[in-house]
Amino acid sequence: MATETKKVLGQSHPNATTATTVYTVPASTQAVVSSIVICNQSATATTFRIWIAVNGAGDGNTQYLYYDVSLPGNDTFVITIGITLGAADLIRAYVGAATVSINVFGVEIS
């Protein structure tokens, strides 16, 4: 019988203008992402991108969920979503400034 574990799937404070993997689905596991929270910890606005790399694929235009979304200073953007992911799928992010944190919440099924 499958085991479901509700948890923080990933947390990141990425470097500016660098593609960063926030979460990788472990081997022999599936995941359901309930929310992604992007927080700008600076008074200066910035942008972010979020995408899914299926089975660790290289970055491509078809993968983007959000692209260069403006994030005001001292603000948080909450994505409430039901993304289903398979083993080795990645959630990746890119931020315009190194003042952004990203948290991913959901369920792993193994």
PDB file of N, CA and C in Angstrom:
ATOM      1  N   MET A   1       0.840  -1.186   0.000  1.00  0.00           N
ATOM      2  CA  MET A   1       0.000   0.000   0.000  1.00  0.00           C
ATOM      3  C   MET A   1       0.884   1.249   0.000  1.00  0.00           C
ATOM      4  N   ALA A   2       0.487   2.243  -0.750  1.00  0.00           N
ATOM      5  CA  ALA A   2       1.259   3.474  -0.869  1.00  0.00           C
ATOM      6  C   ALA A   2       1.244   4.264   0.437  1.00  0.00           C
ATOM      7  N   THR A   3       2.363   4.913   0.702  1.00  0.00           N
ATOM      8  CA  THR A   3       2.490   5.779   1.868  1.00  0.00           C
ATOM      9  C   THR A   3       2.479   7.226   1.407  1.00  0.00           C
ATOM     10  N   GLU A   4       1.623   8.049   2.020  1.00  0.00           N
ATOM     11  CA  GLU A   4       1.547   9.468   1.697  1.00  0.00           C
ATOM     12  C   GLU A   4       2.151  10.278   2.839  1.00  0.00           C
ATOM     13  N   THR A   5       3.114  11.134   2.500  1.00  0.00           N
ATOM     14  CA  THR A   5       3.762  11.966   3.507  1.00  0.00           C
ATOM     15  C   THR A   5       3.578  13.432   3.128  1.00  0.00           C
ATOM     16  N   LYS A   6       2.795  14.151   3.944  1.00  0.00           N
ATOM     17  CA  LYS A   6       2.598  15.588   3.742  1.00  0.00           C
ATOM     18  C   LYS A   6       3.802  16.298   4.328  1.00  0.00           C
ATOM     19  N   LYS A   7       4.372  17.229   3.541  1.00  0.00           N
ATOM     20  CA  LYS A   7       5.615  17.839   4.030  1.00  0.00           C
ATOM     21  C   LYS A   7       5.987  19.076   3.234  1.00  0.00           C
ATOM     22  N   VAL A   8       7.018  19.756   3.721  1.00  0.00           N
ATOM     23  CA  VAL A   8       7.686  20.789   2.945  1.00  0.00           C
ATOM     24  C   VAL A   8       8.550  20.043   1.939  1.00  0.00           C
ATOM     25  N   LEU A   9       8.238  20.180   0.671  1.00  0.00           N
ATOM     26  CA  LEU A   9       8.962  19.440  -0.358  1.00  0.00           C
ATOM     27  C   LEU A   9      10.301  20.087  -0.691  1.00  0.00           C
ATOM     28  N   GLY A  10      10.351  21.399  -0.604  1.00  0.00           N
ATOM     29  CA  GLY A  10      11.607  22.065  -0.925  1.00  0.00           C
ATOM     30  C   GLY A  10      11.617  23.499  -0.451  1.00  0.00           C
ATOM     31  N   GLN A  11      12.818  23.996  -0.170  1.00  0.00           N
ATOM     32  CA  GLN A  11      13.032  25.386   0.211  1.00  0.00           C
ATOM     33  C   GLN A  11      14.307  25.862  -0.468  1.00  0.00           C
ATOM     34  N   SER A  12      14.280  27.115  -0.939  1.00  0.00           N
ATOM     35  CA  SER A  12      15.464  27.644  -1.601  1.00  0.00           C
ATOM     36  C   SER A  12      15.528  29.151  -1.433  1.00  0.00           C
ATOM     37  N   HIS A  13      16.735  29.644  -1.384  1.00  0.00           N
ATOM     38  CA  HIS A  13      17.028  31.080  -1.409  1.00  0.00           C
ATOM     39  C   HIS A  13      18.043  31.254  -2.549  1.00  0.00           C
ATOM     40  N   PRO A  14      17.535  31.216  -3.811  1.00  0.00           N
ATOM     41  CA  PRO A  14      18.442  31.115  -4.959  1.00  0.00           C
ATOM     42  C   PRO A  14      19.292  32.358  -5.190  1.00  0.00           C
ATOM     43  N   ASN A  15      20.421  32.152  -5.833  1.00  0.00           N
ATOM     44  CA  ASN A  15      21.228  33.270  -6.312  1.00  0.00           C
ATOM     45  C   ASN A  15      20.468  33.977  -7.420  1.00  0.00           C
ATOM     46  N   ALA A  16      20.721  35.255  -7.581  1.00  0.00           N
ATOM     47  CA  ALA A  16      20.064  36.034  -8.628  1.00  0.00           C
ATOM     48  C   ALA A  16      20.466  35.525 -10.004  1.00  0.00           C
ATOM     49  N   THR A  17      19.513  35.554 -10.905  1.00  0.00           N
ATOM     50  CA  THR A  17      19.691  35.226 -12.329  1.00  0.00           C
ATOM     51  C   THR A  17      20.379  33.890 -12.568  1.00  0.00           C
ATOM     52  N   THR A  18      20.043  32.909 -11.739  1.00  0.00           N
ATOM     53  CA  THR A  18      20.603  31.567 -11.864  1.00  0.00           C
ATOM     54  C   THR A  18      19.472  30.545 -11.769  1.00  0.00           C
ATOM     55  N   ALA A  19      19.338  29.681 -12.767  1.00  0.00           N
ATOM     56  CA  ALA A  19      18.333  28.629 -12.696  1.00  0.00           C
ATOM     57  C   ALA A  19      18.682  27.697 -11.537  1.00  0.00           C
ATOM     58  N   THR A  20      17.703  27.443 -10.675  1.00  0.00           N
ATOM     59  CA  THR A  20      17.931  26.686  -9.451  1.00  0.00           C
ATOM     60  C   THR A  20      16.852  25.616  -9.284  1.00  0.00           C
ATOM     61  N   THR A  21      17.247  24.411  -8.956  1.00  0.00           N
ATOM     62  CA  THR A  21      16.281  23.353  -8.648  1.00  0.00           C
ATOM     63  C   THR A  21      15.830  23.518  -7.202  1.00  0.00           C
ATOM     64  N   VAL A  22      14.528  23.677  -7.018  1.00  0.00           N
ATOM     65  CA  VAL A  22      13.957  23.852  -5.682  1.00  0.00           C
ATOM     66  C   VAL A  22      13.538  22.507  -5.097  1.00  0.00           C
ATOM     67  N   TYR A  23      13.094  21.587  -5.962  1.00  0.00           N
ATOM     68  CA  TYR A  23      12.642  20.272  -5.495  1.00  0.00           C
ATOM     69  C   TYR A  23      12.832  19.244  -6.598  1.00  0.00           C
ATOM     70  N   THR A  24      13.305  18.065  -6.207  1.00  0.00           N
ATOM     71  CA  THR A  24      13.424  16.915  -7.097  1.00  0.00           C
ATOM     72  C   THR A  24      12.633  15.766  -6.493  1.00  0.00           C
ATOM     73  N   VAL A  25      11.729  15.184  -7.266  1.00  0.00           N
ATOM     74  CA  VAL A  25      10.968  14.043  -6.771  1.00  0.00           C
ATOM     75  C   VAL A  25      11.911  12.845  -6.655  1.00  0.00           C
ATOM     76  N   PRO A  26      11.976  12.216  -5.473  1.00  0.00           N
ATOM     77  CA  PRO A  26      12.867  11.066  -5.291  1.00  0.00           C
ATOM     78  C   PRO A  26      12.485   9.879  -6.180  1.00  0.00           C
ATOM     79  N   ALA A  27      13.420   8.967  -6.352  1.00  0.00           N
ATOM     80  CA  ALA A  27      13.175   7.725  -7.104  1.00  0.00           C
ATOM     81  C   ALA A  27      12.028   6.947  -6.476  1.00  0.00           C
ATOM     82  N   SER A  28      11.278   6.236  -7.275  1.00  0.00           N
ATOM     83  CA  SER A  28      10.153   5.399  -6.833  1.00  0.00           C
ATOM     84  C   SER A  28       9.115   6.174  -6.038  1.00  0.00           C
ATOM     85  N   THR A  29       8.957   7.458  -6.367  1.00  0.00           N
ATOM     86  CA  THR A  29       8.047   8.333  -5.628  1.00  0.00           C
ATOM     87  C   THR A  29       7.281   9.205  -6.617  1.00  0.00           C
ATOM     88  N   GLN A  30       6.071   9.573  -6.233  1.00  0.00           N
ATOM     89  CA  GLN A  30       5.292  10.581  -6.936  1.00  0.00           C
ATOM     90  C   GLN A  30       5.035  11.704  -5.950  1.00  0.00           C
ATOM     91  N   ALA A  31       4.683  12.873  -6.464  1.00  0.00           N
ATOM     92  CA  ALA A  31       4.390  13.989  -5.573  1.00  0.00           C
ATOM     93  C   ALA A  31       3.201  14.784  -6.098  1.00  0.00           C
ATOM     94  N   VAL A  32       2.459  15.360  -5.176  1.00  0.00           N
ATOM     95  CA  VAL A  32       1.398  16.304  -5.503  1.00  0.00           C
ATOM     96  C   VAL A  32       1.756  17.598  -4.789  1.00  0.00           C
ATOM     97  N   VAL A  33       1.972  18.644  -5.571  1.00  0.00           N
ATOM     98  CA  VAL A  33       2.343  19.946  -5.020  1.00  0.00           C
ATOM     99  C   VAL A  33       1.068  20.738  -4.775  1.00  0.00           C
ATOM    100  N   SER A  34       0.859  21.147  -3.527  1.00  0.00           N
ATOM    101  CA  SER A  34      -0.340  21.917  -3.192  1.00  0.00           C
ATOM    102  C   SER A  34      -0.117  23.414  -3.315  1.00  0.00           C
ATOM    103  N   SER A  35       1.100  23.878  -3.001  1.00  0.00           N
ATOM    104  CA  SER A  35       1.359  25.310  -3.109  1.00  0.00           C
ATOM    105  C   SER A  35       2.852  25.595  -3.221  1.00  0.00           C
ATOM    106  N   ILE A  36       3.110  26.715  -3.863  1.00  0.00           N
ATOM    107  CA  ILE A  36       4.461  27.248  -3.981  1.00  0.00           C
ATOM    108  C   ILE A  36       4.374  28.695  -3.508  1.00  0.00           C
ATOM    109  N   VAL A  37       5.235  29.066  -2.571  1.00  0.00           N
ATOM    110  CA  VAL A  37       5.213  30.409  -1.994  1.00  0.00           C
ATOM    111  C   VAL A  37       6.531  31.102  -2.326  1.00  0.00           C
ATOM    112  N   ILE A  38       6.430  32.278  -2.964  1.00  0.00           N
ATOM    113  CA  ILE A  38       7.604  33.051  -3.352  1.00  0.00           C
ATOM    114  C   ILE A  38       7.571  34.353  -2.563  1.00  0.00           C
ATOM    115  N   CYS A  39       8.615  34.618  -1.780  1.00  0.00           N
ATOM    116  CA  CYS A  39       8.660  35.771  -0.877  1.00  0.00           C
ATOM    117  C   CYS A  39       9.841  36.676  -1.217  1.00  0.00           C
ATOM    118  N   ASN A  40       9.558  37.946  -1.481  1.00  0.00           N
ATOM    119  CA  ASN A  40      10.606  38.942  -1.725  1.00  0.00           C
ATOM    120  C   ASN A  40      10.927  39.638  -0.405  1.00  0.00           C
ATOM    121  N   GLN A  41      12.128  39.467   0.075  1.00  0.00           N
ATOM    122  CA  GLN A  41      12.534  39.992   1.376  1.00  0.00           C
ATOM    123  C   GLN A  41      13.232  41.341   1.274  1.00  0.00           C
ATOM    124  N   SER A  42      13.034  42.038   0.163  1.00  0.00           N
ATOM    125  CA  SER A  42      13.649  43.341  -0.055  1.00  0.00           C
ATOM    126  C   SER A  42      12.558  44.360  -0.361  1.00  0.00           C
ATOM    127  N   ALA A  43      12.849  45.625  -0.135  1.00  0.00           N
ATOM    128  CA  ALA A  43      11.906  46.688  -0.476  1.00  0.00           C
ATOM    129  C   ALA A  43      11.873  46.956  -1.978  1.00  0.00           C
ATOM    130  N   THR A  44      12.813  46.392  -2.715  1.00  0.00           N
ATOM    131  CA  THR A  44      12.915  46.594  -4.159  1.00  0.00           C
ATOM    132  C   THR A  44      12.201  45.470  -4.904  1.00  0.00           C
ATOM    133  N   ALA A  45      11.388  45.806  -5.885  1.00  0.00           N
ATOM    134  CA  ALA A  45      10.687  44.814  -6.693  1.00  0.00           C
ATOM    135  C   ALA A  45      11.673  43.969  -7.493  1.00  0.00           C
ATOM    136  N   THR A  46      11.259  42.756  -7.799  1.00  0.00           N
ATOM    137  CA  THR A  46      12.059  41.863  -8.628  1.00  0.00           C
ATOM    138  C   THR A  46      11.112  40.999  -9.457  1.00  0.00           C
ATOM    139  N   THR A  47      11.634  39.999 -10.131  1.00  0.00           N
ATOM    140  CA  THR A  47      10.813  39.091 -10.927  1.00  0.00           C
ATOM    141  C   THR A  47      11.168  37.644 -10.576  1.00  0.00           C
ATOM    142  N   PHE A  48      10.284  36.725 -10.987  1.00  0.00           N
ATOM    143  CA  PHE A  48      10.586  35.307 -10.801  1.00  0.00           C
ATOM    144  C   PHE A  48      10.010  34.495 -11.952  1.00  0.00           C
ATOM    145  N   ARG A  49      10.568  33.280 -12.092  1.00  0.00           N
ATOM    146  CA  ARG A  49      10.086  32.276 -13.042  1.00  0.00           C
ATOM    147  C   ARG A  49       9.987  30.950 -12.291  1.00  0.00           C
ATOM    148  N   ILE A  50       8.981  30.157 -12.614  1.00  0.00           N
ATOM    149  CA  ILE A  50       8.823  28.812 -12.063  1.00  0.00           C
ATOM    150  C   ILE A  50       8.520  27.877 -13.224  1.00  0.00           C
ATOM    151  N   TRP A  51       9.209  26.732 -13.265  1.00  0.00           N
ATOM    152  CA  TRP A  51       8.924  25.755 -14.315  1.00  0.00           C
ATOM    153  C   TRP A  51       9.150  24.337 -13.837  1.00  0.00           C
ATOM    154  N   ILE A  52       8.612  23.398 -14.621  1.00  0.00           N
ATOM    155  CA  ILE A  52       8.707  21.969 -14.322  1.00  0.00           C
ATOM    156  C   ILE A  52       9.561  21.309 -15.392  1.00  0.00           C
ATOM    157  N   ALA A  53      10.585  20.584 -14.970  1.00  0.00           N
ATOM    158  CA  ALA A  53      11.428  19.813 -15.889  1.00  0.00           C
ATOM    159  C   ALA A  53      11.067  18.342 -15.695  1.00  0.00           C
ATOM    160  N   VAL A  54      10.277  17.812 -16.610  1.00  0.00           N
ATOM    161  CA  VAL A  54       9.820  16.425 -16.516  1.00  0.00           C
ATOM    162  C   VAL A  54      11.008  15.480 -16.659  1.00  0.00           C
ATOM    163  N   ASN A  55      11.139  14.589 -15.686  1.00  0.00           N
ATOM    164  CA  ASN A  55      12.212  13.585 -15.671  1.00  0.00           C
ATOM    165  C   ASN A  55      13.593  14.224 -15.830  1.00  0.00           C
ATOM    166  N   GLY A  56      13.764  15.411 -15.236  1.00  0.00           N
ATOM    167  CA  GLY A  56      15.062  16.088 -15.248  1.00  0.00           C
ATOM    168  C   GLY A  56      15.474  16.638 -16.595  1.00  0.00           C
ATOM    169  N   ALA A  57      14.525  16.817 -17.508  1.00  0.00           N
ATOM    170  CA  ALA A  57      14.846  17.308 -18.858  1.00  0.00           C
ATOM    171  C   ALA A  57      15.530  18.666 -18.804  1.00  0.00           C
ATOM    172  N   GLY A  58      16.295  18.969 -19.831  1.00  0.00           N
ATOM    173  CA  GLY A  58      16.901  20.290 -19.947  1.00  0.00           C
ATOM    174  C   GLY A  58      15.817  21.345 -20.057  1.00  0.00           C
ATOM    175  N   ASP A  59      16.162  22.573 -19.698  1.00  0.00           N
ATOM    176  CA  ASP A  59      15.180  23.658 -19.700  1.00  0.00           C
ATOM    177  C   ASP A  59      14.661  23.920 -21.108  1.00  0.00           C
ATOM    178  N   GLY A  60      13.349  24.147 -21.207  1.00  0.00           N
ATOM    179  CA  GLY A  60      12.720  24.409 -22.492  1.00  0.00           C
ATOM    180  C   GLY A  60      11.507  25.308 -22.334  1.00  0.00           C
ATOM    181  N   ASN A  61      11.119  25.956 -23.402  1.00  0.00           N
ATOM    182  CA  ASN A  61      10.019  26.919 -23.365  1.00  0.00           C
ATOM    183  C   ASN A  61       8.678  26.320 -22.950  1.00  0.00           C
ATOM    184  N   THR A  62       8.451  25.040 -23.184  1.00  0.00           N
ATOM    185  CA  THR A  62       7.169  24.425 -22.844  1.00  0.00           C
ATOM    186  C   THR A  62       6.993  24.180 -21.347  1.00  0.00           C
ATOM    187  N   GLN A  63       8.042  24.329 -20.567  1.00  0.00           N
ATOM    188  CA  GLN A  63       8.007  23.952 -19.151  1.00  0.00           C
ATOM    189  C   GLN A  63       7.495  25.044 -18.206  1.00  0.00           C
ATOM    190  N   TYR A  64       7.435  26.286 -18.659  1.00  0.00           N
ATOM    191  CA  TYR A  64       7.162  27.407 -17.755  1.00  0.00           C
ATOM    192  C   TYR A  64       5.718  27.456 -17.268  1.00  0.00           C
ATOM    193  N   LEU A  65       5.569  27.658 -15.957  1.00  0.00           N
ATOM    194  CA  LEU A  65       4.275  27.937 -15.352  1.00  0.00           C
ATOM    195  C   LEU A  65       4.121  29.449 -15.143  1.00  0.00           C
ATOM    196  N   TYR A  66       5.219  30.095 -14.777  1.00  0.00           N
ATOM    197  CA  TYR A  66       5.263  31.549 -14.558  1.00  0.00           C
ATOM    198  C   TYR A  66       6.571  32.060 -15.144  1.00  0.00           C
ATOM    199  N   TYR A  67       6.503  33.190 -15.846  1.00  0.00           N
ATOM    200  CA  TYR A  67       7.701  33.702 -16.515  1.00  0.00           C
ATOM    201  C   TYR A  67       7.804  35.213 -16.306  1.00  0.00           C
ATOM    202  N   ASP A  68       8.867  35.629 -15.648  1.00  0.00           N
ATOM    203  CA  ASP A  68       9.146  37.041 -15.371  1.00  0.00           C
ATOM    204  C   ASP A  68       7.961  37.772 -14.729  1.00  0.00           C
ATOM    205  N   VAL A  69       7.358  37.115 -13.747  1.00  0.00           N
ATOM    206  CA  VAL A  69       6.271  37.722 -12.980  1.00  0.00           C
ATOM    207  C   VAL A  69       6.870  38.748 -12.036  1.00  0.00           C
ATOM    208  N   SER A  70       6.291  39.932 -12.012  1.00  0.00           N
ATOM    209  CA  SER A  70       6.773  40.993 -11.127  1.00  0.00           C
ATOM    210  C   SER A  70       6.357  40.688  -9.687  1.00  0.00           C
ATOM    211  N   LEU A  71       7.316  40.801  -8.777  1.00  0.00           N
ATOM    212  CA  LEU A  71       7.074  40.578  -7.359  1.00  0.00           C
ATOM    213  C   LEU A  71       7.466  41.849  -6.618  1.00  0.00           C
ATOM    214  N   PRO A  72       6.469  42.613  -6.146  1.00  0.00           N
ATOM    215  CA  PRO A  72       6.772  43.870  -5.465  1.00  0.00           C
ATOM    216  C   PRO A  72       7.660  43.659  -4.240  1.00  0.00           C
ATOM    217  N   GLY A  73       8.297  44.735  -3.814  1.00  0.00           N
ATOM    218  CA  GLY A  73       9.132  44.674  -2.619  1.00  0.00           C
ATOM    219  C   GLY A  73       8.324  44.292  -1.396  1.00  0.00           C
ATOM    220  N   ASN A  74       8.946  43.516  -0.509  1.00  0.00           N
ATOM    221  CA  ASN A  74       8.318  43.080   0.743  1.00  0.00           C
ATOM    222  C   ASN A  74       6.949  42.441   0.514  1.00  0.00           C
ATOM    223  N   ASP A  75       6.856  41.614  -0.509  1.00  0.00           N
ATOM    224  CA  ASP A  75       5.579  40.987  -0.838  1.00  0.00           C
ATOM    225  C   ASP A  75       5.774  39.486  -1.055  1.00  0.00           C
ATOM    226  N   THR A  76       4.657  38.767  -1.040  1.00  0.00           N
ATOM    227  CA  THR A  76       4.665  37.322  -1.226  1.00  0.00           C
ATOM    228  C   THR A  76       3.648  36.950  -2.291  1.00  0.00           C
ATOM    229  N   PHE A  77       4.027  36.006  -3.161  1.00  0.00           N
ATOM    230  CA  PHE A  77       3.155  35.491  -4.210  1.00  0.00           C
ATOM    231  C   PHE A  77       2.897  34.031  -3.880  1.00  0.00           C
ATOM    232  N   VAL A  78       1.620  33.657  -3.743  1.00  0.00           N
ATOM    233  CA  VAL A  78       1.264  32.286  -3.394  1.00  0.00           C
ATOM    234  C   VAL A  78       0.593  31.625  -4.587  1.00  0.00           C
ATOM    235  N   ILE A  79       1.147  30.495  -5.014  1.00  0.00           N
ATOM    236  CA  ILE A  79       0.585  29.705  -6.095  1.00  0.00           C
ATOM    237  C   ILE A  79      -0.116  28.512  -5.456  1.00  0.00           C
ATOM    238  N   THR A  80      -1.442  28.473  -5.540  1.00  0.00           N
ATOM    239  CA  THR A  80      -2.203  27.333  -5.047  1.00  0.00           C
ATOM    240  C   THR A  80      -2.529  26.482  -6.262  1.00  0.00           C
ATOM    241  N   ILE A  81      -1.987  25.269  -6.289  1.00  0.00           N
ATOM    242  CA  ILE A  81      -2.021  24.466  -7.514  1.00  0.00           C
ATOM    243  C   ILE A  81      -1.991  22.993  -7.135  1.00  0.00           C
ATOM    244  N   GLY A  82      -2.378  22.140  -8.031  1.00  0.00           N
ATOM    245  CA  GLY A  82      -2.339  20.705  -7.780  1.00  0.00           C
ATOM    246  C   GLY A  82      -1.464  20.009  -8.808  1.00  0.00           C
ATOM    247  N   ILE A  83      -0.208  20.368  -8.850  1.00  0.00           N
ATOM    248  CA  ILE A  83       0.710  19.766  -9.815  1.00  0.00           C
ATOM    249  C   ILE A  83       1.005  18.333  -9.392  1.00  0.00           C
ATOM    250  N   THR A  84       0.902  17.413 -10.343  1.00  0.00           N
ATOM    251  CA  THR A  84       1.280  16.034 -10.072  1.00  0.00           C
ATOM    252  C   THR A  84       2.611  15.769 -10.764  1.00  0.00           C
ATOM    253  N   LEU A  85       3.543  15.185 -10.029  1.00  0.00           N
ATOM    254  CA  LEU A  85       4.894  14.956 -10.533  1.00  0.00           C
ATOM    255  C   LEU A  85       5.295  13.499 -10.361  1.00  0.00           C
ATOM    256  N   GLY A  86       6.113  13.024 -11.282  1.00  0.00           N
ATOM    257  CA  GLY A  86       6.646  11.673 -11.203  1.00  0.00           C
ATOM    258  C   GLY A  86       8.083  11.680 -10.736  1.00  0.00           C
ATOM    259  N   ALA A  87       8.622  10.500 -10.517  1.00  0.00           N
ATOM    260  CA  ALA A  87      10.010  10.365 -10.072  1.00  0.00           C
ATOM    261  C   ALA A  87      10.941  11.118 -11.020  1.00  0.00           C
ATOM    262  N   ALA A  88      11.886  11.845 -10.439  1.00  0.00           N
ATOM    263  CA  ALA A  88      12.928  12.604 -11.140  1.00  0.00           C
ATOM    264  C   ALA A  88      12.429  13.897 -11.778  1.00  0.00           C
ATOM    265  N   ASP A  89      11.150  14.245 -11.621  1.00  0.00           N
ATOM    266  CA  ASP A  89      10.685  15.550 -12.090  1.00  0.00           C
ATOM    267  C   ASP A  89      11.243  16.638 -11.170  1.00  0.00           C
ATOM    268  N   LEU A  90      11.484  17.817 -11.736  1.00  0.00           N
ATOM    269  CA  LEU A  90      12.083  18.929 -10.991  1.00  0.00           C
ATOM    270  C   LEU A  90      11.165  20.141 -10.992  1.00  0.00           C
ATOM    271  N   ILE A  91      11.148  20.862  -9.889  1.00  0.00           N
ATOM    272  CA  ILE A  91      10.585  22.215  -9.867  1.00  0.00           C
ATOM    273  C   ILE A  91      11.786  23.145  -9.851  1.00  0.00           C
ATOM    274  N   ARG A  92      11.834  24.025 -10.839  1.00  0.00           N
ATOM    275  CA  ARG A  92      12.976  24.925 -10.965  1.00  0.00           C
ATOM    276  C   ARG A  92      12.508  26.365 -10.866  1.00  0.00           C
ATOM    277  N   ALA A  93      13.421  27.243 -10.482  1.00  0.00           N
ATOM    278  CA  ALA A  93      13.101  28.658 -10.312  1.00  0.00           C
ATOM    279  C   ALA A  93      14.257  29.534 -10.771  1.00  0.00           C
ATOM    280  N   TYR A  94      13.923  30.764 -11.063  1.00  0.00           N
ATOM    281  CA  TYR A  94      14.894  31.786 -11.456  1.00  0.00           C
ATOM    282  C   TYR A  94      14.366  33.080 -10.866  1.00  0.00           C
ATOM    283  N   VAL A  95      15.200  33.820 -10.178  1.00  0.00           N
ATOM    284  CA  VAL A  95      14.773  35.078  -9.570  1.00  0.00           C
ATOM    285  C   VAL A  95      15.681  36.206 -10.033  1.00  0.00           C
ATOM    286  N   GLY A  96      15.121  37.403 -10.103  1.00  0.00           N
ATOM    287  CA  GLY A  96      15.887  38.548 -10.567  1.00  0.00           C
ATOM    288  C   GLY A  96      16.819  39.120  -9.525  1.00  0.00           C
ATOM    289  N   ALA A  97      16.582  38.809  -8.258  1.00  0.00           N
ATOM    290  CA  ALA A  97      17.418  39.323  -7.169  1.00  0.00           C
ATOM    291  C   ALA A  97      17.600  38.232  -6.123  1.00  0.00           C
ATOM    292  N   ALA A  98      18.706  38.284  -5.413  1.00  0.00           N
ATOM    293  CA  ALA A  98      19.018  37.267  -4.404  1.00  0.00           C
ATOM    294  C   ALA A  98      18.329  37.553  -3.075  1.00  0.00           C
ATOM    295  N   THR A  99      17.156  38.156  -3.144  1.00  0.00           N
ATOM    296  CA  THR A  99      16.393  38.500  -1.942  1.00  0.00           C
ATOM    297  C   THR A  99      15.099  37.699  -1.847  1.00  0.00           C
ATOM    298  N   VAL A 100      15.002  36.649  -2.641  1.00  0.00           N
ATOM    299  CA  VAL A 100      13.759  35.892  -2.757  1.00  0.00           C
ATOM    300  C   VAL A 100      13.935  34.498  -2.156  1.00  0.00           C
ATOM    301  N   SER A 101      12.923  34.058  -1.403  1.00  0.00           N
ATOM    302  CA  SER A 101      12.897  32.673  -0.927  1.00  0.00           C
ATOM    303  C   SER A 101      11.702  31.967  -1.547  1.00  0.00           C
ATOM    304  N   ILE A 102      11.857  30.662  -1.762  1.00  0.00           N
ATOM    305  CA  ILE A 102      10.816  29.851  -2.388  1.00  0.00           C
ATOM    306  C   ILE A 102      10.583  28.619  -1.520  1.00  0.00           C
ATOM    307  N   ASN A 103       9.322  28.354  -1.218  1.00  0.00           N
ATOM    308  CA  ASN A 103       8.936  27.186  -0.442  1.00  0.00           C
ATOM    309  C   ASN A 103       7.898  26.395  -1.220  1.00  0.00           C
ATOM    310  N   VAL A 104       8.058  25.071  -1.253  1.00  0.00           N
ATOM    311  CA  VAL A 104       7.141  24.185  -1.968  1.00  0.00           C
ATOM    312  C   VAL A 104       6.538  23.219  -0.947  1.00  0.00           C
ATOM    313  N   PHE A 105       5.198  23.108  -0.952  1.00  0.00           N
ATOM    314  CA  PHE A 105       4.485  22.256  -0.006  1.00  0.00           C
ATOM    315  C   PHE A 105       3.659  21.222  -0.756  1.00  0.00           C
ATOM    316  N   GLY A 106       3.537  20.021  -0.190  1.00  0.00           N
ATOM    317  CA  GLY A 106       2.735  19.009  -0.843  1.00  0.00           C
ATOM    318  C   GLY A 106       2.839  17.652  -0.192  1.00  0.00           C
ATOM    319  N   VAL A 107       2.607  16.612  -1.000  1.00  0.00           N
ATOM    320  CA  VAL A 107       2.548  15.233  -0.522  1.00  0.00           C
ATOM    321  C   VAL A 107       3.451  14.368  -1.406  1.00  0.00           C
ATOM    322  N   GLU A 108       4.292  13.550  -0.781  1.00  0.00           N
ATOM    323  CA  GLU A 108       5.041  12.532  -1.497  1.00  0.00           C
ATOM    324  C   GLU A 108       4.334  11.189  -1.311  1.00  0.00           C
ATOM    325  N   ILE A 109       4.238  10.443  -2.406  1.00  0.00           N
ATOM    326  CA  ILE A 109       3.562   9.144  -2.389  1.00  0.00           C
ATOM    327  C   ILE A 109       4.576   8.093  -2.809  1.00  0.00           C
ATOM    328  N   SER A 110       4.838   7.157  -1.896  1.00  0.00           N
ATOM    329  CA  SER A 110       5.843   6.121  -2.200  1.00  0.00           C
ATOM    330  C   SER A 110       5.317   4.741  -1.839  1.00  0.00           C
TER     331      SER A 110
END
